[in-house]
Amino acid sequence: MGKSVEHWDKRIGRRLRLRDLHVLLTVVRSGSMAKAARNLSVSQPAISKAMTDLEHILGVRLLDRGPQGVQATVYGDALVRRGLAVFGELQQAVADIAFIANPASGDVNVGCNESLAASLMPAVVEQLASHHPGIAVHLRPMTRPITQEIRHLRERSVDFIVGRGLFQVPENDLNSEVLFEEPLRVVAGATSSWAKHRKLQLADLLEAKWIMYPPDEAPGTLVTQAFLQKGLPVPRATVTTSSFHVREELLRRSDYLTVVPACMLRVFNTDRLRIKALPVDLGVGMRPVAVFTLKDRTMHPAADIVIESVRAAARTIDPGS
C-alpha cells in the first residue's frame, strides 16, 4: 500500500485491461464466479484468474469470497463505481461516433451573411428536408468582411462559411472553393422615377436619396470606392442600415437608391417585379462567392452533404441577375 502514485499509474497504464474490469463488474453483479462465467460464456477458472490478476495489479483485495458467493470489498466497490462510469462514457463515445458517422443526421453550423443566406440557403434547406430530414442547419450571421469573420471557422464555432471575397495572401490553414462570381447592382423600386431611365452615370445619382451600409461592411466600402474612382464625392446617406428588409420596404415606398449583390434581385422579386437594377456601371469588379473550410479538419459527414447542397443551389444563381 506504500507504492507511489507514479508506480500505480505505470502499472495501471500497462496492465489494467478493460476486459478484466468488465469481468469484475459482471462478478459483482452476478454475485458468484460461477454465474459470471456462465454470463460471459467462459470457464470459472478463467474468471478466478482474471480477478486474481486484477487484485495483484492493484495490490488490494477486490472481492470477499464466502459460502454465499462473492461481494465487493471497499476497494472493489470503489473500482466498480468508477468502472461503471468508464463503461458509461465508452458507450456514449460509441453512440457519438455512430451519430457523427451517420450522414443522414447531425447539426451543421454555417457562417453566412444575410444576402447569401436569403438567396442560397432556402433552396439548401428545402433540399435537405426532402432528402436528409435528420440534418439541422444552424445559420450564424456574418456582417463583417470575410478576413474578419474567418476567425469563427478557426474557433470551430462554424463548420464552414459561405462568404464573398478571397484572401490576397494565401492562408495556409484554409481552403476556398469559388461557387460563382457576381456584380453589385444599383437598384431602385420598380415604380420609382429612377426605374424609367434607360441610361445613367454615377454623377446623375449624387443628389438621390441613398440607403447606405455601415462603413465597416463590404458593400459600403465598395460604393465609396466606386464614386471616388470617378472623381466624385460620395453621396450623403439618407439612411444607414445593414438590413435588406428595410432596403426593400424603402425602395418600394419612395425614390430611394441603394446597392445590393446581384443575387438579392431574385430574392426581392420572388413573386413579382418589385426592385429593378438601374442601367449604371459602378466600375466595381465581379466578386467571388466561395465556401471556406479549414484544412486538415475532418468534416462531419452531414456538413459535407450541406456543402454539396450549397453547390447545387449556387448553380441555379444567375451571376448577372
Protein backbone atom coordinates (compact mmCIF):
# COMPACT_ATOMS: atom_id res chain seq x y z
CA MET A 1 0.00 0.00 0.00
CA GLY A 2 3.04 2.27 0.18
CA LYS A 3 3.59 2.26 -3.56
CA SER A 4 3.81 5.69 -5.17
CA VAL A 5 1.06 7.12 -7.33
CA GLU A 6 3.51 7.20 -10.23
CA HIS A 7 4.16 3.49 -9.80
CA TRP A 8 0.42 2.82 -9.70
CA ASP A 9 -0.13 4.87 -12.87
CA LYS A 10 2.55 2.94 -14.72
CA ARG A 11 1.13 -0.40 -13.66
CA ILE A 12 -2.44 0.57 -14.45
CA GLY A 13 -1.49 2.03 -17.82
CA ARG A 14 0.47 -1.04 -18.83
CA ARG A 15 -1.52 -3.91 -17.33
CA LEU A 16 -5.09 -2.96 -16.38
CA ARG A 17 -7.40 -4.13 -19.15
CA LEU A 18 -10.96 -3.16 -19.88
CA ARG A 19 -11.79 -6.86 -20.21
CA ASP A 20 -10.72 -7.51 -16.60
CA LEU A 21 -12.73 -4.52 -15.43
CA HIS A 22 -15.74 -5.89 -17.31
CA VAL A 23 -15.25 -9.27 -15.62
CA LEU A 24 -15.18 -7.60 -12.19
CA LEU A 25 -18.42 -5.74 -12.90
CA THR A 26 -20.05 -8.97 -14.06
CA VAL A 27 -18.87 -10.92 -10.99
CA VAL A 28 -20.18 -8.27 -8.59
CA ARG A 29 -23.45 -8.02 -10.49
CA SER A 30 -23.85 -11.81 -10.64
CA GLY A 31 -22.81 -12.46 -7.03
CA SER A 32 -20.70 -15.51 -7.84
CA MET A 33 -17.83 -16.62 -10.04
CA ALA A 34 -19.88 -19.45 -11.49
CA LYS A 35 -22.76 -17.21 -12.57
CA ALA A 36 -20.33 -14.67 -14.02
CA ALA A 37 -18.64 -17.45 -16.01
CA ARG A 38 -21.97 -18.53 -17.46
CA ASN A 39 -22.96 -14.95 -18.29
CA LEU A 40 -19.64 -14.36 -20.07
CA SER A 41 -19.51 -17.83 -21.67
CA VAL A 42 -16.08 -18.59 -20.22
CA SER A 43 -14.81 -21.10 -17.67
CA GLN A 44 -14.90 -20.42 -13.95
CA PRO A 45 -11.11 -20.83 -13.61
CA ALA A 46 -10.69 -18.09 -16.24
CA ILE A 47 -12.86 -15.77 -14.15
CA SER A 48 -10.92 -16.59 -10.98
CA LYS A 49 -7.59 -15.96 -12.72
CA ALA A 50 -8.76 -12.61 -14.11
CA MET A 51 -9.81 -11.47 -10.63
CA THR A 52 -6.58 -12.70 -9.04
CA ASP A 53 -4.53 -10.90 -11.67
CA LEU A 54 -6.50 -7.69 -11.19
CA GLU A 55 -6.02 -7.79 -7.43
CA HIS A 56 -2.31 -8.39 -7.95
CA ILE A 57 -2.04 -5.40 -10.32
CA LEU A 58 -3.77 -3.06 -7.88
CA GLY A 59 -2.24 -4.55 -4.74
CA VAL A 60 -5.54 -4.76 -2.85
CA ARG A 61 -8.29 -7.33 -2.31
CA LEU A 62 -11.27 -6.53 -4.51
CA LEU A 63 -13.60 -9.40 -3.59
CA ASP A 64 -14.54 -11.22 -0.42
CA ARG A 65 -15.22 -14.88 -1.22
CA GLY A 66 -17.53 -16.86 1.05
CA PRO A 67 -20.14 -19.64 1.17
CA GLN A 68 -22.80 -17.19 -0.01
CA GLY A 69 -20.78 -16.14 -3.04
CA VAL A 70 -18.61 -13.07 -3.61
CA GLN A 71 -19.03 -9.48 -2.53
CA ALA A 72 -17.03 -6.39 -3.38
CA THR A 73 -14.68 -5.06 -0.72
CA VAL A 74 -14.41 -1.34 -0.10
CA TYR A 75 -11.66 -1.29 -2.74
CA GLY A 76 -13.70 -3.37 -5.14
CA ASP A 77 -16.72 -1.13 -4.62
CA ALA A 78 -14.64 1.95 -5.46
CA LEU A 79 -13.36 0.31 -8.66
CA VAL A 80 -16.87 -0.85 -9.60
CA ARG A 81 -18.29 2.65 -9.21
CA ARG A 82 -15.56 4.19 -11.35
CA GLY A 83 -15.69 1.28 -13.76
CA LEU A 84 -19.38 1.84 -14.37
CA ALA A 85 -18.57 5.47 -15.21
CA VAL A 86 -15.80 4.35 -17.58
CA PHE A 87 -18.06 1.95 -19.45
CA GLY A 88 -20.85 4.52 -19.49
CA GLU A 89 -18.54 7.04 -21.13
CA LEU A 90 -17.30 4.45 -23.62
CA GLN A 91 -20.86 3.54 -24.55
CA GLN A 92 -21.64 7.22 -25.06
CA ALA A 93 -18.49 7.63 -27.16
CA VAL A 94 -19.58 4.76 -29.40
CA ALA A 95 -23.01 6.36 -29.70
CA ASP A 96 -21.38 9.70 -30.55
CA ILE A 97 -19.27 8.08 -33.25
CA ALA A 98 -22.31 6.36 -34.71
CA PHE A 99 -24.14 9.70 -34.69
CA ILE A 100 -21.24 11.51 -36.36
CA ALA A 101 -20.70 8.78 -38.92
CA ASN A 102 -24.36 8.75 -39.93
CA PRO A 103 -24.58 11.13 -42.89
CA ALA A 104 -28.37 11.20 -42.60
CA SER A 105 -28.38 13.20 -39.37
CA GLY A 106 -26.48 15.85 -37.44
CA ASP A 107 -26.26 19.55 -36.66
CA VAL A 108 -24.32 21.74 -39.10
CA ASN A 109 -23.27 25.29 -38.24
CA VAL A 110 -22.89 27.57 -41.25
CA GLY A 111 -21.48 31.07 -41.27
CA CYS A 112 -23.25 33.19 -43.87
CA ASN A 113 -24.14 36.83 -44.44
CA GLU A 114 -27.74 37.91 -44.91
CA SER A 115 -27.81 38.21 -48.69
CA LEU A 116 -26.26 34.79 -49.31
CA ALA A 117 -28.44 33.28 -46.60
CA ALA A 118 -31.53 34.70 -48.30
CA SER A 119 -30.53 33.76 -51.86
CA LEU A 120 -28.88 30.37 -51.31
CA MET A 121 -29.95 28.79 -48.05
CA PRO A 122 -33.74 28.41 -48.57
CA ALA A 123 -33.08 26.08 -51.51
CA VAL A 124 -30.45 24.26 -49.46
CA VAL A 125 -32.80 23.76 -46.52
CA GLU A 126 -35.61 22.55 -48.79
CA GLN A 127 -33.34 20.02 -50.45
CA LEU A 128 -32.12 18.74 -47.10
CA ALA A 129 -35.65 18.50 -45.75
CA SER A 130 -36.60 16.30 -48.70
CA HIS A 131 -33.54 14.05 -48.86
CA HIS A 132 -31.86 14.33 -45.43
CA PRO A 133 -34.52 15.31 -42.87
CA GLY A 134 -32.22 14.36 -40.00
CA ILE A 135 -29.84 17.22 -40.75
CA ALA A 136 -30.42 20.52 -38.95
CA VAL A 137 -28.75 23.67 -40.28
CA HIS A 138 -27.86 26.49 -37.89
CA LEU A 139 -27.03 29.77 -39.62
CA ARG A 140 -24.60 32.14 -37.91
CA PRO A 141 -24.96 35.68 -39.28
CA MET A 142 -21.79 37.22 -40.70
CA THR A 143 -21.71 41.00 -41.19
CA ARG A 144 -18.01 41.82 -41.45
CA PRO A 145 -15.51 41.15 -44.27
CA ILE A 146 -14.51 37.52 -44.66
CA THR A 147 -10.98 38.32 -43.43
CA GLN A 148 -12.50 39.12 -40.02
CA GLU A 149 -15.27 36.53 -39.93
CA ILE A 150 -12.87 33.67 -40.69
CA ARG A 151 -11.95 33.54 -37.00
CA HIS A 152 -15.24 31.75 -36.32
CA LEU A 153 -14.03 28.94 -38.57
CA ARG A 154 -10.72 28.71 -36.75
CA GLU A 155 -12.52 28.71 -33.39
CA ARG A 156 -14.72 25.82 -34.63
CA SER A 157 -17.92 27.73 -33.91
CA VAL A 158 -18.95 27.06 -37.53
CA ASP A 159 -18.30 24.06 -39.77
CA PHE A 160 -17.84 26.20 -42.87
CA ILE A 161 -18.50 29.70 -44.16
CA VAL A 162 -20.23 30.85 -47.33
CA GLY A 163 -18.86 34.30 -48.00
CA ARG A 164 -17.65 36.83 -50.54
CA GLY A 165 -14.09 37.63 -51.45
CA LEU A 166 -10.80 35.78 -51.39
CA PHE A 167 -7.65 36.40 -49.41
CA GLN A 168 -4.93 38.43 -51.08
CA VAL A 169 -2.31 36.42 -49.20
CA PRO A 170 -2.97 32.65 -49.11
CA GLU A 171 -3.91 31.39 -45.68
CA ASN A 172 -2.10 28.12 -45.00
CA ASP A 173 -4.90 26.65 -42.89
CA LEU A 174 -7.82 27.49 -45.20
CA ASN A 175 -9.47 26.00 -48.26
CA SER A 176 -11.66 28.14 -50.52
CA GLU A 177 -13.92 26.93 -53.31
CA VAL A 178 -15.42 29.59 -55.59
CA LEU A 179 -19.10 28.90 -56.30
CA PHE A 180 -19.84 31.81 -58.63
CA GLU A 181 -18.99 35.46 -59.22
CA GLU A 182 -21.48 38.29 -59.10
CA PRO A 183 -21.58 42.06 -59.52
CA LEU A 184 -23.02 44.76 -57.31
CA ARG A 185 -26.11 46.47 -58.71
CA VAL A 186 -27.51 49.93 -58.13
CA VAL A 187 -31.23 49.37 -57.60
CA ALA A 188 -34.47 51.30 -57.17
CA GLY A 189 -38.11 50.47 -56.67
CA ALA A 190 -39.75 49.17 -59.86
CA THR A 191 -42.31 52.00 -59.77
CA SER A 192 -39.89 54.78 -58.85
CA SER A 193 -38.90 57.59 -61.20
CA TRP A 194 -35.37 56.15 -61.36
CA ALA A 195 -36.63 52.92 -62.91
CA LYS A 196 -37.73 54.81 -66.06
CA HIS A 197 -34.19 55.75 -67.07
CA ARG A 198 -32.52 53.79 -69.87
CA LYS A 199 -29.01 55.07 -69.21
CA LEU A 200 -27.41 56.65 -66.18
CA GLN A 201 -24.00 57.77 -64.97
CA LEU A 202 -22.82 57.78 -61.38
CA ALA A 203 -22.76 61.58 -61.49
CA ASP A 204 -26.52 61.51 -62.12
CA LEU A 205 -27.09 59.81 -58.76
CA LEU A 206 -25.30 62.25 -56.46
CA GLU A 207 -28.45 64.01 -55.27
CA ALA A 208 -30.54 60.87 -54.85
CA LYS A 209 -31.84 59.58 -51.51
CA TRP A 210 -29.34 56.84 -50.73
CA ILE A 211 -29.67 53.87 -48.43
CA MET A 212 -26.09 53.15 -47.40
CA TYR A 213 -24.35 50.41 -45.43
CA PRO A 214 -22.39 50.88 -42.20
CA PRO A 215 -18.82 51.92 -43.06
CA ASP A 216 -17.24 48.63 -41.90
CA GLU A 217 -19.38 46.47 -44.21
CA ALA A 218 -18.04 45.48 -47.62
CA PRO A 219 -20.83 46.89 -49.85
CA GLY A 220 -20.40 50.30 -48.23
CA THR A 221 -16.66 50.45 -48.84
CA LEU A 222 -17.18 49.38 -52.47
CA VAL A 223 -19.78 52.12 -53.07
CA THR A 224 -17.37 54.69 -51.66
CA GLN A 225 -14.64 53.31 -53.90
CA ALA A 226 -16.89 53.49 -56.98
CA PHE A 227 -17.61 57.21 -56.61
CA LEU A 228 -14.07 58.18 -55.62
CA GLN A 229 -12.62 56.36 -58.62
CA LYS A 230 -14.76 58.58 -60.85
CA GLY A 231 -13.52 61.67 -59.04
CA LEU A 232 -16.96 62.19 -57.49
CA PRO A 233 -17.95 62.91 -53.90
CA VAL A 234 -19.63 60.08 -52.04
CA PRO A 235 -23.39 60.70 -51.82
CA ARG A 236 -24.82 61.53 -48.41
CA ALA A 237 -26.67 58.67 -46.77
CA THR A 238 -30.33 59.35 -46.07
CA VAL A 239 -30.49 56.02 -44.21
CA THR A 240 -27.70 53.75 -43.00
CA THR A 241 -28.61 50.14 -42.32
CA SER A 242 -27.44 46.56 -42.76
CA SER A 243 -30.99 45.29 -43.19
CA PHE A 244 -32.15 44.13 -46.60
CA HIS A 245 -35.73 44.12 -45.33
CA VAL A 246 -35.52 47.85 -44.57
CA ARG A 247 -33.98 48.40 -48.00
CA GLU A 248 -36.77 46.60 -49.77
CA GLU A 249 -39.50 48.48 -47.92
CA LEU A 250 -37.95 51.90 -48.54
CA LEU A 251 -37.26 51.14 -52.21
CA ARG A 252 -40.86 50.11 -52.76
CA ARG A 253 -42.26 53.18 -50.96
CA SER A 254 -40.22 56.01 -52.46
CA ASP A 255 -37.43 57.10 -54.81
CA TYR A 256 -34.56 55.67 -52.82
CA LEU A 257 -31.42 54.14 -54.30
CA THR A 258 -29.10 51.55 -52.87
CA VAL A 259 -26.56 48.95 -53.92
CA VAL A 260 -27.12 45.22 -53.46
CA PRO A 261 -25.41 42.00 -54.55
CA ALA A 262 -27.00 40.83 -57.78
CA CYS A 263 -28.35 37.65 -56.15
CA MET A 264 -30.68 39.74 -53.98
CA LEU A 265 -32.72 40.82 -57.00
CA ARG A 266 -34.14 37.31 -57.25
CA VAL A 267 -35.00 37.43 -53.55
CA PHE A 268 -36.71 40.82 -53.82
CA ASN A 269 -38.63 39.81 -56.95
CA THR A 270 -39.69 36.29 -55.96
CA ASP A 271 -43.34 36.63 -56.99
CA ARG A 272 -43.36 39.88 -58.97
CA LEU A 273 -41.08 42.73 -60.03
CA ARG A 274 -40.57 44.99 -57.04
CA ILE A 275 -36.95 46.11 -57.33
CA LYS A 276 -35.17 46.99 -60.55
CA ALA A 277 -31.46 47.19 -61.38
CA LEU A 278 -30.56 50.55 -62.90
CA PRO A 279 -28.50 50.89 -66.11
CA VAL A 280 -25.43 52.30 -64.41
CA ASP A 281 -21.92 50.88 -64.15
CA LEU A 282 -20.37 51.07 -60.70
CA GLY A 283 -16.98 50.15 -62.08
CA VAL A 284 -16.63 47.52 -59.35
CA GLY A 285 -15.43 44.10 -60.49
CA MET A 286 -17.21 40.81 -60.03
CA ARG A 287 -16.96 39.45 -56.52
CA PRO A 288 -16.39 35.74 -55.91
CA VAL A 289 -18.75 33.83 -53.63
CA ALA A 290 -16.89 30.94 -52.02
CA VAL A 291 -17.12 28.16 -49.46
CA PHE A 292 -14.39 28.40 -46.83
CA THR A 293 -13.25 25.39 -44.80
CA LEU A 294 -10.29 24.54 -42.60
CA LYS A 295 -7.55 22.34 -43.96
CA ASP A 296 -6.77 19.13 -42.07
CA ARG A 297 -10.13 19.21 -40.29
CA THR A 298 -12.29 16.11 -40.53
CA MET A 299 -15.69 17.35 -41.58
CA HIS A 300 -18.89 15.97 -40.10
CA PRO A 301 -20.48 13.86 -42.87
CA ALA A 302 -23.59 15.99 -42.56
CA ALA A 303 -21.52 19.13 -43.25
CA ASP A 304 -20.26 17.59 -46.49
CA ILE A 305 -23.87 16.97 -47.53
CA VAL A 306 -24.82 20.57 -46.74
CA ILE A 307 -21.85 21.88 -48.75
CA GLU A 308 -22.93 19.77 -51.72
CA SER A 309 -26.43 21.24 -51.40
CA VAL A 310 -24.90 24.74 -51.34
CA ARG A 311 -23.05 23.90 -54.56
CA ALA A 312 -26.29 22.75 -56.16
CA ALA A 313 -28.11 25.92 -55.10
CA ALA A 314 -25.23 28.07 -56.38
CA ARG A 315 -25.56 26.51 -59.84
CA THR A 316 -29.07 27.98 -60.09
CA ILE A 317 -27.82 31.54 -59.45
CA ASP A 318 -27.60 33.80 -62.50
CA PRO A 319 -24.41 35.80 -61.84
CA GLY A 320 -25.72 38.70 -63.83
CA SER A 321 -29.25 38.60 -62.37
